[in-house]
PDB file of N, CA and C in Angstrom:
ATOM      1  N   UNK A   1       0.888  -1.121  -0.061  1.00  0.00           N
ATOM      2  CA  UNK A   1      -0.212   0.138  -0.115  1.00  0.00           C
ATOM      3  C   UNK A   1       0.917   1.320   0.098  1.00  0.00           C
ATOM      4  N   UNK A   2       0.443   2.127  -0.826  1.00  0.00           N
ATOM      5  CA  UNK A   2       1.249   3.641  -0.815  1.00  0.00           C
ATOM      6  C   UNK A   2       0.403   4.587  -0.347  1.00  0.00           C
ATOM      7  N   UNK A   3       1.007   5.239   0.829  1.00  0.00           N
ATOM      8  CA  UNK A   3       0.413   6.280   1.363  1.00  0.00           C
ATOM      9  C   UNK A   3       0.623   7.710   0.932  1.00  0.00           C
ATOM     10  N   UNK A   4      -0.186   8.565   0.840  1.00  0.00           N
ATOM     11  CA  UNK A   4      -1.380   8.525   1.535  1.00  0.00           C
ATOM     12  C   UNK A   4      -2.388   8.084   0.867  1.00  0.00           C
ATOM     13  N   UNK A   5      -3.719   7.862   1.516  1.00  0.00           N
ATOM     14  CA  UNK A   5      -4.691   7.177   1.097  1.00  0.00           C
ATOM     15  C   UNK A   5      -5.899   7.928   1.518  1.00  0.00           C
ATOM     16  N   UNK A   6      -7.116   7.423   0.729  1.00  0.00           N
ATOM     17  CA  UNK A   6      -8.394   8.038   1.226  1.00  0.00           C
ATOM     18  C   UNK A   6      -9.345   6.819   1.529  1.00  0.00           C
ATOM     19  N   UNK A   7     -10.286   7.034   2.351  1.00  0.00           N
ATOM     20  CA  UNK A   7     -11.528   6.113   2.558  1.00  0.00           C
ATOM     21  C   UNK A   7     -12.766   6.669   1.683  1.00  0.00           C
ATOM     22  N   UNK A   8     -13.459   5.832   1.245  1.00  0.00           N
ATOM     23  CA  UNK A   8     -14.751   6.186   0.455  1.00  0.00           C
ATOM     24  C   UNK A   8     -15.659   5.195   1.337  1.00  0.00           C
ATOM     25  N   UNK A   9     -16.592   5.869   1.688  1.00  0.00           N
ATOM     26  CA  UNK A   9     -17.815   5.071   2.169  1.00  0.00           C
ATOM     27  C   UNK A   9     -18.801   5.011   1.032  1.00  0.00           C
ATOM     28  N   UNK A  10     -19.432   3.918   1.032  1.00  0.00           N
ATOM     29  CA  UNK A  10     -20.114   3.766  -0.332  1.00  0.00           C
ATOM     30  C   UNK A  10     -21.472   4.323  -0.287  1.00  0.00           C
ATOM     31  N   UNK A  11     -22.214   4.899   0.833  1.00  0.00           N
ATOM     32  CA  UNK A  11     -23.197   5.807   1.078  1.00  0.00           C
ATOM     33  C   UNK A  11     -23.062   7.209   1.068  1.00  0.00           C
ATOM     34  N   UNK A  12     -21.911   7.701   0.738  1.00  0.00           N
ATOM     35  CA  UNK A  12     -21.615   8.999   1.163  1.00  0.00           C
ATOM     36  C   UNK A  12     -20.502   9.606   0.162  1.00  0.00           C
ATOM     37  N   UNK A  13     -20.659  10.837  -0.046  1.00  0.00           N
ATOM     38  CA  UNK A  13     -19.797  11.476  -1.095  1.00  0.00           C
ATOM     39  C   UNK A  13     -18.425  11.782  -0.186  1.00  0.00           C
ATOM     40  N   UNK A  14     -18.438  11.853   0.889  1.00  0.00           N
ATOM     41  CA  UNK A  14     -17.482  12.444   1.989  1.00  0.00           C
ATOM     42  C   UNK A  14     -16.107  11.575   1.880  1.00  0.00           C
ATOM     43  N   UNK A  15     -15.194  11.978   1.620  1.00  0.00           N
ATOM     44  CA  UNK A  15     -14.112  11.348   1.813  1.00  0.00           C
ATOM     45  C   UNK A  15     -13.113  11.475   3.047  1.00  0.00           C
ATOM     46  N   UNK A  16     -12.273  10.572   3.550  1.00  0.00           N
ATOM     47  CA  UNK A  16     -11.527  10.734   4.661  1.00  0.00           C
ATOM     48  C   UNK A  16     -10.248  10.361   4.160  1.00  0.00           C
ATOM     49  N   UNK A  17      -9.286  11.595   4.374  1.00  0.00           N
ATOM     50  CA  UNK A  17      -7.901  11.620   4.135  1.00  0.00           C
ATOM     51  C   UNK A  17      -6.969  10.699   5.236  1.00  0.00           C
ATOM     52  N   UNK A  18      -6.178   9.825   4.886  1.00  0.00           N
ATOM     53  CA  UNK A  18      -5.173   8.980   5.735  1.00  0.00           C
ATOM     54  C   UNK A  18      -3.873   9.625   5.408  1.00  0.00           C
ATOM     55  N   UNK A  19      -2.953  10.322   6.144  1.00  0.00           N
ATOM     56  CA  UNK A  19      -1.704  10.497   5.742  1.00  0.00           C
ATOM     57  C   UNK A  19      -0.642   9.376   5.728  1.00  0.00           C
ATOM     58  N   UNK A  20      -0.810   8.444   6.430  1.00  0.00           N
ATOM     59  CA  UNK A  20       0.044   7.228   6.587  1.00  0.00           C
ATOM     60  C   UNK A  20      -0.162   6.154   7.426  1.00  0.00           C
ATOM     61  N   UNK A  21       0.817   5.108   7.639  1.00  0.00           N
ATOM     62  CA  UNK A  21       0.470   3.829   8.433  1.00  0.00           C
ATOM     63  C   UNK A  21       0.251   4.475   9.863  1.00  0.00           C
ATOM     64  N   UNK A  22       1.151   5.292  10.275  1.00  0.00           N
ATOM     65  CA  UNK A  22       1.289   5.737  11.704  1.00  0.00           C
ATOM     66  C   UNK A  22      -0.336   6.491  11.942  1.00  0.00           C
ATOM     67  N   UNK A  23      -0.779   7.318  11.261  1.00  0.00           N
ATOM     68  CA  UNK A  23      -2.071   7.663  11.510  1.00  0.00           C
ATOM     69  C   UNK A  23      -3.042   6.608  11.421  1.00  0.00           C
ATOM     70  N   UNK A  24      -2.996   5.708  10.590  1.00  0.00           N
ATOM     71  CA  UNK A  24      -4.049   4.592  10.410  1.00  0.00           C
ATOM     72  C   UNK A  24      -4.000   3.761  11.853  1.00  0.00           C
ATOM     73  N   UNK A  25      -2.721   3.670  12.351  1.00  0.00           N
ATOM     74  CA  UNK A  25      -2.450   2.723  13.536  1.00  0.00           C
ATOM     75  C   UNK A  25      -3.119   3.605  14.681  1.00  0.00           C
ATOM     76  N   UNK A  26      -2.691   4.794  14.819  1.00  0.00           N
ATOM     77  CA  UNK A  26      -3.030   5.754  15.862  1.00  0.00           C
ATOM     78  C   UNK A  26      -4.424   6.025  15.888  1.00  0.00           C
ATOM     79  N   UNK A  27      -5.493   6.043  14.893  1.00  0.00           N
ATOM     80  CA  UNK A  27      -6.601   6.480  15.100  1.00  0.00           C
ATOM     81  C   UNK A  27      -7.760   5.445  15.095  1.00  0.00           C
ATOM     82  N   UNK A  28      -8.010   5.144  16.245  1.00  0.00           N
ATOM     83  CA  UNK A  28      -8.967   3.951  16.500  1.00  0.00           C
ATOM     84  C   UNK A  28     -10.304   3.965  15.327  1.00  0.00           C
ATOM     85  N   UNK A  29     -10.661   5.269  15.245  1.00  0.00           N
ATOM     86  CA  UNK A  29     -12.025   5.462  14.226  1.00  0.00           C
ATOM     87  C   UNK A  29     -11.768   4.989  13.039  1.00  0.00           C
ATOM     88  N   UNK A  30     -10.468   4.944  12.471  1.00  0.00           N
ATOM     89  CA  UNK A  30     -10.200   4.326  11.223  1.00  0.00           C
ATOM     90  C   UNK A  30     -10.183   2.869  11.349  1.00  0.00           C
ATOM     91  N   UNK A  31      -9.162   2.334  12.034  1.00  0.00           N
ATOM     92  CA  UNK A  31      -9.199   0.836  12.085  1.00  0.00           C
ATOM     93  C   UNK A  31      -9.945  -0.059  12.912  1.00  0.00           C
ATOM     94  N   UNK A  32     -10.846   0.490  13.700  1.00  0.00           N
ATOM     95  CA  UNK A  32     -11.844  -0.187  14.481  1.00  0.00           C
ATOM     96  C   UNK A  32     -13.099   0.103  14.329  1.00  0.00           C
ATOM     97  N   UNK A  33     -13.419   0.514  13.008  1.00  0.00           N
ATOM     98  CA  UNK A  33     -14.658   0.877  12.401  1.00  0.00           C
ATOM     99  C   UNK A  33     -15.489  -0.208  11.681  1.00  0.00           C
ATOM    100  N   UNK A  34     -16.641  -0.324  11.688  1.00  0.00           N
ATOM    101  CA  UNK A  34     -17.454  -1.451  11.024  1.00  0.00           C
ATOM    102  C   UNK A  34     -17.575  -1.000   9.280  1.00  0.00           C
ATOM    103  N   UNK A  35     -16.814  -1.399   8.809  1.00  0.00           N
ATOM    104  CA  UNK A  35     -16.946  -0.825   7.392  1.00  0.00           C
ATOM    105  C   UNK A  35     -17.897  -1.723   6.493  1.00  0.00           C
ATOM    106  N   UNK A  36     -18.713  -1.034   5.699  1.00  0.00           N
ATOM    107  CA  UNK A  36     -19.310  -1.977   4.943  1.00  0.00           C
ATOM    108  C   UNK A  36     -18.617  -2.654   3.807  1.00  0.00           C
ATOM    109  N   UNK A  37     -19.275  -3.603   2.934  1.00  0.00           N
ATOM    110  CA  UNK A  37     -18.573  -4.386   2.213  1.00  0.00           C
ATOM    111  C   UNK A  37     -18.264  -3.453   0.744  1.00  0.00           C
ATOM    112  N   UNK A  38     -18.723  -2.339   0.619  1.00  0.00           N
ATOM    113  CA  UNK A  38     -18.758  -1.400  -0.385  1.00  0.00           C
ATOM    114  C   UNK A  38     -17.815  -0.336  -0.061  1.00  0.00           C
ATOM    115  N   UNK A  39     -17.415  -0.295   0.928  1.00  0.00           N
ATOM    116  CA  UNK A  39     -16.366   0.939   1.340  1.00  0.00           C
ATOM    117  C   UNK A  39     -15.006   0.495   1.140  1.00  0.00           C
ATOM    118  N   UNK A  40     -14.214   1.318   0.839  1.00  0.00           N
ATOM    119  CA  UNK A  40     -13.009   0.880   0.533  1.00  0.00           C
ATOM    120  C   UNK A  40     -11.977   2.107   0.690  1.00  0.00           C
ATOM    121  N   UNK A  41     -10.665   1.472   0.747  1.00  0.00           N
ATOM    122  CA  UNK A  41      -9.536   2.432   0.815  1.00  0.00           C
ATOM    123  C   UNK A  41      -8.752   2.551  -0.436  1.00  0.00           C
ATOM    124  N   UNK A  42      -8.413   3.775  -0.936  1.00  0.00           N
ATOM    125  CA  UNK A  42      -7.887   4.065  -2.384  1.00  0.00           C
ATOM    126  C   UNK A  42      -6.431   4.567  -1.900  1.00  0.00           C
ATOM    127  N   UNK A  43      -5.306   3.860  -2.329  1.00  0.00           N
ATOM    128  CA  UNK A  43      -3.916   4.668  -2.128  1.00  0.00           C
ATOM    129  C   UNK A  43      -3.597   5.550  -3.118  1.00  0.00           C
ATOM    130  N   UNK A  44      -2.309   5.935  -2.968  1.00  0.00           N
ATOM    131  CA  UNK A  44      -1.834   6.981  -3.777  1.00  0.00           C
ATOM    132  C   UNK A  44      -1.577   6.483  -5.058  1.00  0.00           C
ATOM    133  N   UNK A  45      -1.549   5.240  -5.352  1.00  0.00           N
ATOM    134  CA  UNK A  45      -1.130   4.602  -6.688  1.00  0.00           C
ATOM    135  C   UNK A  45      -2.491   4.265  -7.413  1.00  0.00           C
ATOM    136  N   UNK A  46      -3.647   4.408  -6.607  1.00  0.00           N
ATOM    137  CA  UNK A  46      -4.838   4.436  -7.339  1.00  0.00           C
ATOM    138  C   UNK A  46      -5.324   2.743  -6.996  1.00  0.00           C
ATOM    139  N   UNK A  47      -4.517   2.161  -6.327  1.00  0.00           N
ATOM    140  CA  UNK A  47      -5.058   0.760  -6.031  1.00  0.00           C
ATOM    141  C   UNK A  47      -6.231   0.719  -4.646  1.00  0.00           C
ATOM    142  N   UNK A  48      -7.222  -0.110  -4.919  1.00  0.00           N
ATOM    143  CA  UNK A  48      -8.328  -0.270  -4.069  1.00  0.00           C
ATOM    144  C   UNK A  48      -8.164  -1.499  -3.195  1.00  0.00           C
ATOM    145  N   UNK A  49      -8.626  -1.116  -1.854  1.00  0.00           N
ATOM    146  CA  UNK A  49      -8.349  -2.204  -0.568  1.00  0.00           C
ATOM    147  C   UNK A  49      -9.635  -2.144   0.065  1.00  0.00           C
ATOM    148  N   UNK A  50     -10.036  -3.426   0.230  1.00  0.00           N
ATOM    149  CA  UNK A  50     -11.021  -3.973   0.651  1.00  0.00           C
ATOM    150  C   UNK A  50     -10.875  -3.569   2.471  1.00  0.00           C
ATOM    151  N   UNK A  51     -12.070  -3.259   3.233  1.00  0.00           N
ATOM    152  CA  UNK A  51     -11.773  -2.971   4.639  1.00  0.00           C
ATOM    153  C   UNK A  51     -12.775  -3.502   5.532  1.00  0.00           C
ATOM    154  N   UNK A  52     -13.093  -4.826   4.983  1.00  0.00           N
ATOM    155  CA  UNK A  52     -13.772  -5.817   5.895  1.00  0.00           C
ATOM    156  C   UNK A  52     -13.060  -6.966   6.610  1.00  0.00           C
ATOM    157  N   UNK A  53     -11.715  -6.950   6.196  1.00  0.00           N
ATOM    158  CA  UNK A  53     -11.058  -8.032   6.820  1.00  0.00           C
ATOM    159  C   UNK A  53     -10.476  -7.631   8.271  1.00  0.00           C
ATOM    160  N   UNK A  54     -10.713  -8.454   9.608  1.00  0.00           N
ATOM    161  CA  UNK A  54     -10.076  -7.989  10.604  1.00  0.00           C
ATOM    162  C   UNK A  54      -9.347  -8.765  11.102  1.00  0.00           C
ATOM    163  N   UNK A  55      -8.159  -8.397  11.735  1.00  0.00           N
ATOM    164  CA  UNK A  55      -7.224  -9.109  12.525  1.00  0.00           C
ATOM    165  C   UNK A  55      -6.968  -8.654  13.914  1.00  0.00           C
ATOM    166  N   UNK A  56      -7.737  -9.439  14.907  1.00  0.00           N
ATOM    167  CA  UNK A  56      -7.703  -9.214  16.493  1.00  0.00           C
ATOM    168  C   UNK A  56      -8.402  -7.679  16.525  1.00  0.00           C
ATOM    169  N   UNK A  57      -9.598  -7.615  15.948  1.00  0.00           N
ATOM    170  CA  UNK A  57     -10.459  -6.513  16.106  1.00  0.00           C
ATOM    171  C   UNK A  57      -9.928  -5.332  15.462  1.00  0.00           C
ATOM    172  N   UNK A  58      -8.966  -5.507  14.270  1.00  0.00           N
ATOM    173  CA  UNK A  58      -8.221  -4.296  13.782  1.00  0.00           C
ATOM    174  C   UNK A  58      -8.420  -4.457  12.117  1.00  0.00           C
ATOM    175  N   UNK A  59      -9.158  -3.316  11.500  1.00  0.00           N
ATOM    176  CA  UNK A  59      -9.250  -3.539  10.227  1.00  0.00           C
ATOM    177  C   UNK A  59      -7.908  -3.613   9.564  1.00  0.00           C
ATOM    178  N   UNK A  60      -7.839  -4.554   8.558  1.00  0.00           N
ATOM    179  CA  UNK A  60      -6.763  -4.853   7.824  1.00  0.00           C
ATOM    180  C   UNK A  60      -7.238  -4.459   6.448  1.00  0.00           C
ATOM    181  N   UNK A  61      -6.853  -3.611   5.745  1.00  0.00           N
ATOM    182  CA  UNK A  61      -6.860  -3.152   4.241  1.00  0.00           C
ATOM    183  C   UNK A  61      -6.188  -4.408   3.253  1.00  0.00           C
ATOM    184  N   UNK A  62      -7.138  -4.825   2.442  1.00  0.00           N
ATOM    185  CA  UNK A  62      -6.598  -6.024   1.643  1.00  0.00           C
ATOM    186  C   UNK A  62      -6.820  -5.799   0.265  1.00  0.00           C
ATOM    187  N   UNK A  63      -5.777  -5.768  -0.757  1.00  0.00           N
ATOM    188  CA  UNK A  63      -5.818  -5.369  -1.970  1.00  0.00           C
ATOM    189  C   UNK A  63      -6.892  -6.185  -2.505  1.00  0.00           C
ATOM    190  N   UNK A  64      -7.766  -5.470  -3.467  1.00  0.00           N
ATOM    191  CA  UNK A  64      -8.865  -6.023  -4.341  1.00  0.00           C
ATOM    192  C   UNK A  64      -8.676  -6.504  -5.573  1.00  0.00           C
ATOM    193  N   UNK A  65      -7.204  -6.060  -5.857  1.00  0.00           N
ATOM    194  CA  UNK A  65      -6.895  -6.232  -7.367  1.00  0.00           C
ATOM    195  C   UNK A  65      -7.751  -5.421  -8.399  1.00  0.00           C
ATOM    196  N   UNK A  66      -8.138  -4.464  -7.965  1.00  0.00           N
ATOM    197  CA  UNK A  66      -8.865  -3.195  -8.535  1.00  0.00           C
ATOM    198  C   UNK A  66      -8.021  -1.872  -8.557  1.00  0.00           C
ATOM    199  N   UNK A  67      -8.422  -1.068  -9.470  1.00  0.00           N
ATOM    200  CA  UNK A  67      -7.533   0.238  -9.332  1.00  0.00           C
ATOM    201  C   UNK A  67      -8.471   1.207  -9.770  1.00  0.00           C
ATOM    202  N   UNK A  68      -8.249   2.560  -9.743  1.00  0.00           N
ATOM    203  CA  UNK A  68      -8.995   3.749 -10.400  1.00  0.00           C
ATOM    204  C   UNK A  68      -7.835   4.621 -11.057  1.00  0.00           C
ATOM    205  N   UNK A  69      -8.378   5.352 -11.975  1.00  0.00           N
ATOM    206  CA  UNK A  69      -7.570   6.078 -13.032  1.00  0.00           C
ATOM    207  C   UNK A  69      -7.767   7.604 -12.302  1.00  0.00           C
ATOM    208  N   UNK A  70      -6.779   8.332 -12.583  1.00  0.00           N
ATOM    209  CA  UNK A  70      -6.732   9.674 -11.960  1.00  0.00           C
ATOM    210  C   UNK A  70      -8.302  10.415 -12.333  1.00  0.00           C
ATOM    211  N   UNK A  71      -8.631  10.407 -13.327  1.00  0.00           N
ATOM    212  CA  UNK A  71      -9.882  11.065 -13.841  1.00  0.00           C
ATOM    213  C   UNK A  71     -11.277  10.527 -12.961  1.00  0.00           C
ATOM    214  N   UNK A  72     -11.149   9.182 -12.728  1.00  0.00           N
ATOM    215  CA  UNK A  72     -12.060   8.741 -11.634  1.00  0.00           C
ATOM    216  C   UNK A  72     -11.925   9.417 -10.305  1.00  0.00           C
ATOM    217  N   UNK A  73     -10.770   9.418  -9.867  1.00  0.00           N
ATOM    218  CA  UNK A  73     -10.581   9.962  -8.377  1.00  0.00           C
ATOM    219  C   UNK A  73     -10.981  11.485  -8.564  1.00  0.00           C
ATOM    220  N   UNK A  74     -10.531  12.148  -9.460  1.00  0.00           N
ATOM    221  CA  UNK A  74     -10.923  13.460  -9.465  1.00  0.00           C
ATOM    222  C   UNK A  74     -12.505  13.594  -9.376  1.00  0.00           C
ATOM    223  N   UNK A  75     -13.188  12.723 -10.106  1.00  0.00           N
ATOM    224  CA  UNK A  75     -14.590  12.619  -9.873  1.00  0.00           C
ATOM    225  C   UNK A  75     -15.116  12.637  -8.427  1.00  0.00           C
ATOM    226  N   UNK A  76     -14.472  11.525  -7.790  1.00  0.00           N
ATOM    227  CA  UNK A  76     -14.836  11.484  -6.256  1.00  0.00           C
ATOM    228  C   UNK A  76     -14.440  12.785  -5.349  1.00  0.00           C
ATOM    229  N   UNK A  77     -13.190  13.415  -5.688  1.00  0.00           N
ATOM    230  CA  UNK A  77     -13.030  14.565  -5.003  1.00  0.00           C
ATOM    231  C   UNK A  77     -13.730  15.855  -5.394  1.00  0.00           C
ATOM    232  N   UNK A  78     -14.393  15.899  -6.627  1.00  0.00           N
ATOM    233  CA  UNK A  78     -15.304  16.911  -7.041  1.00  0.00           C
ATOM    234  C   UNK A  78     -16.526  16.627  -6.184  1.00  0.00           C
ATOM    235  N   UNK A  79     -17.116  15.419  -5.837  1.00  0.00           N
ATOM    236  CA  UNK A  79     -18.309  14.988  -5.346  1.00  0.00           C
ATOM    237  C   UNK A  79     -18.265  15.447  -3.846  1.00  0.00           C
ATOM    238  N   UNK A  80     -16.849  15.085  -3.373  1.00  0.00           N
ATOM    239  CA  UNK A  80     -16.634  15.493  -2.073  1.00  0.00           C
ATOM    240  C   UNK A  80     -16.795  16.910  -1.644  1.00  0.00           C
ATOM    241  N   UNK A  81     -16.021  17.636  -2.604  1.00  0.00           N
ATOM    242  CA  UNK A  81     -15.872  19.072  -2.416  1.00  0.00           C
ATOM    243  C   UNK A  81     -17.313  19.757  -2.631  1.00  0.00           C
ATOM    244  N   UNK A  82     -18.117  19.353  -3.886  1.00  0.00           N
ATOM    245  CA  UNK A  82     -19.516  19.863  -3.740  1.00  0.00           C
ATOM    246  C   UNK A  82     -20.136  19.517  -2.414  1.00  0.00           C
ATOM    247  N   UNK A  83     -20.267  18.322  -1.869  1.00  0.00           N
ATOM    248  CA  UNK A  83     -20.910  18.117  -0.601  1.00  0.00           C
ATOM    249  C   UNK A  83     -20.453  19.094   0.512  1.00  0.00           C
ATOM    250  N   UNK A  84     -19.266  19.610   0.628  1.00  0.00           N
ATOM    251  CA  UNK A  84     -18.771  20.374   1.498  1.00  0.00           C
ATOM    252  C   UNK A  84     -19.035  21.817   1.226  1.00  0.00           C
ATOM    253  N   UNK A  85     -19.691  22.069   0.042  1.00  0.00           N
ATOM    254  CA  UNK A  85     -20.308  23.431  -0.190  1.00  0.00           C
ATOM    255  C   UNK A  85     -18.945  24.238  -0.985  1.00  0.00           C
ATOM    256  N   UNK A  86     -17.995  23.705  -1.217  1.00  0.00           N
ATOM    257  CA  UNK A  86     -16.906  24.177  -1.984  1.00  0.00           C
ATOM    258  C   UNK A  86     -17.328  24.983  -3.374  1.00  0.00           C
ATOM    259  N   UNK A  87     -16.826  25.930  -3.699  1.00  0.00           N
ATOM    260  CA  UNK A  87     -17.165  26.718  -4.947  1.00  0.00           C
ATOM    261  C   UNK A  87     -16.107  26.395  -6.043  1.00  0.00           C
ATOM    262  N   UNK A  88     -16.559  26.371  -7.224  1.00  0.00           N
ATOM    263  CA  UNK A  88     -15.703  26.334  -8.304  1.00  0.00           C
ATOM    264  C   UNK A  88     -15.117  24.651  -8.372  1.00  0.00           C
ATOM    265  N   UNK A  89     -16.314  23.889  -7.911  1.00  0.00           N
ATOM    266  CA  UNK A  89     -15.615  22.472  -7.995  1.00  0.00           C
ATOM    267  C   UNK A  89     -15.178  21.781  -9.254  1.00  0.00           C
ATOM    268  N   UNK A  90     -15.878  22.263 -10.344  1.00  0.00           N
ATOM    269  CA  UNK A  90     -15.582  21.779 -11.765  1.00  0.00           C
ATOM    270  C   UNK A  90     -14.180  22.037 -12.034  1.00  0.00           C
ATOM    271  N   UNK A  91     -13.770  23.376 -11.371  1.00  0.00           N
ATOM    272  CA  UNK A  91     -12.197  23.498 -11.828  1.00  0.00           C
ATOM    273  C   UNK A  91     -11.162  22.806 -10.923  1.00  0.00           C
ATOM    274  N   UNK A  92     -11.433  21.944 -10.238  1.00  0.00           N
ATOM    275  CA  UNK A  92     -10.502  21.047  -9.454  1.00  0.00           C
ATOM    276  C   UNK A  92      -9.635  20.008 -10.206  1.00  0.00           C
ATOM    277  N   UNK A  93      -8.411  20.241 -10.312  1.00  0.00           N
ATOM    278  CA  UNK A  93      -7.660  19.424 -11.148  1.00  0.00           C
ATOM    279  C   UNK A  93      -6.390  19.038 -10.259  1.00  0.00           C
ATOM    280  N   UNK A  94      -5.685  17.911 -10.698  1.00  0.00           N
ATOM    281  CA  UNK A  94      -4.367  17.568 -10.152  1.00  0.00           C
ATOM    282  C   UNK A  94      -3.713  16.793 -11.152  1.00  0.00           C
ATOM    283  N   UNK A  95      -2.275  16.806 -11.257  1.00  0.00           N
ATOM    284  CA  UNK A  95      -1.703  16.131 -12.614  1.00  0.00           C
ATOM    285  C   UNK A  95      -1.384  14.617 -11.874  1.00  0.00           C
ATOM    286  N   UNK A  96      -1.564  14.481 -10.624  1.00  0.00           N
ATOM    287  CA  UNK A  96      -1.110  13.164 -10.151  1.00  0.00           C
ATOM    288  C   UNK A  96      -2.148  12.738  -9.165  1.00  0.00           C
ATOM    289  N   UNK A  97      -1.971  11.169  -8.980  1.00  0.00           N
ATOM    290  CA  UNK A  97      -2.966  10.988  -7.749  1.00  0.00           C
ATOM    291  C   UNK A  97      -2.604  11.346  -6.200  1.00  0.00           C
ATOM    292  N   UNK A  98      -1.193  11.441  -6.173  1.00  0.00           N
ATOM    293  CA  UNK A  98      -0.603  11.792  -4.618  1.00  0.00           C
ATOM    294  C   UNK A  98      -1.409  13.374  -4.711  1.00  0.00           C
ATOM    295  N   UNK A  99      -1.067  14.230  -5.608  1.00  0.00           N
ATOM    296  CA  UNK A  99      -1.736  15.685  -5.800  1.00  0.00           C
ATOM    297  C   UNK A  99      -3.261  15.675  -5.490  1.00  0.00           C
ATOM    298  N   UNK A 100      -3.852  14.701  -6.055  1.00  0.00           N
ATOM    299  CA  UNK A 100      -5.295  14.696  -5.947  1.00  0.00           C
ATOM    300  C   UNK A 100      -5.813  14.378  -4.484  1.00  0.00           C
ATOM    301  N   UNK A 101      -5.028  13.532  -3.868  1.00  0.00           N
ATOM    302  CA  UNK A 101      -5.243  13.108  -2.616  1.00  0.00           C
ATOM    303  C   UNK A 101      -4.776  14.407  -1.591  1.00  0.00           C
ATOM    304  N   UNK A 102      -3.976  15.112  -1.960  1.00  0.00           N
ATOM    305  CA  UNK A 102      -3.811  16.346  -1.296  1.00  0.00           C
ATOM    306  C   UNK A 102      -4.830  17.378  -1.208  1.00  0.00           C
ATOM    307  N   UNK A 103      -5.686  17.240  -2.235  1.00  0.00           N
ATOM    308  CA  UNK A 103      -6.853  18.241  -2.360  1.00  0.00           C
ATOM    309  C   UNK A 103      -7.746  17.846  -1.319  1.00  0.00           C
ATOM    310  N   UNK A 104      -7.962  16.556  -0.990  1.00  0.00           N
ATOM    311  CA  UNK A 104      -8.766  16.041  -0.104  1.00  0.00           C
ATOM    312  C   UNK A 104      -8.243  16.371   1.323  1.00  0.00           C
ATOM    313  N   UNK A 105      -7.054  16.389   1.648  1.00  0.00           N
ATOM    314  CA  UNK A 105      -6.465  16.938   2.945  1.00  0.00           C
ATOM    315  C   UNK A 105      -6.643  18.276   3.174  1.00  0.00           C
ATOM    316  N   UNK A 106      -6.614  19.243   2.270  1.00  0.00           N
ATOM    317  CA  UNK A 106      -6.759  20.514   2.256  1.00  0.00           C
ATOM    318  C   UNK A 106      -8.231  20.969   2.478  1.00  0.00           C
ATOM    319  N   UNK A 107      -9.096  20.207   1.858  1.00  0.00           N
ATOM    320  CA  UNK A 107     -10.543  20.402   1.900  1.00  0.00           C
ATOM    321  C   UNK A 107     -10.902  20.090   3.386  1.00  0.00           C
ATOM    322  N   UNK A 108     -10.453  18.700   3.731  1.00  0.00           N
ATOM    323  CA  UNK A 108     -10.805  18.328   5.049  1.00  0.00           C
ATOM    324  C   UNK A 108     -10.327  19.263   6.172  1.00  0.00           C
ATOM    325  N   UNK A 109      -9.434  20.046   5.934  1.00  0.00           N
ATOM    326  CA  UNK A 109      -8.929  21.110   6.843  1.00  0.00           C
ATOM    327  C   UNK A 109      -9.572  22.232   7.175  1.00  0.00           C
ATOM    328  N   UNK A 110     -10.454  22.692   6.104  1.00  0.00           N
ATOM    329  CA  UNK A 110     -11.326  23.744   5.933  1.00  0.00           C
ATOM    330  C   UNK A 110     -12.201  23.822   7.253  1.00  0.00           C
TER     331      UNK A 110
END
C-alpha cells in the first residue's frame, strides 16, 4: 500500500484522508470501524483495498486487485468538495493521484 490514502464510504460522497500508516494505527476510528462491503481505501497509486477483513479487532486493508484512474479519483474528489459546499468544484484538477489526494487533505482542513 502506498500512502497517503483516502477512505470512501459507499453511501456518502465524503472522503477521509489518511496521511500514512502511523495515522491509520493511531486513530481507532479508522481501523476499528465497522466498514460496509462497499467501502474501500484508495491508495496514492490508485489501488483499491477492501476494509472488511479484521485481524484481532483491527481492520486490515486487503488489496482487491482493482484500481482507479486519475480522472475517476478526481470525480470522487469533486463530489466530496461539492458536498462540503466548495465553490468552483468543476475547476478542481491535479496532475497526479498523490496531488489529488492532497486536495482532499486541504478540503478536510477547512
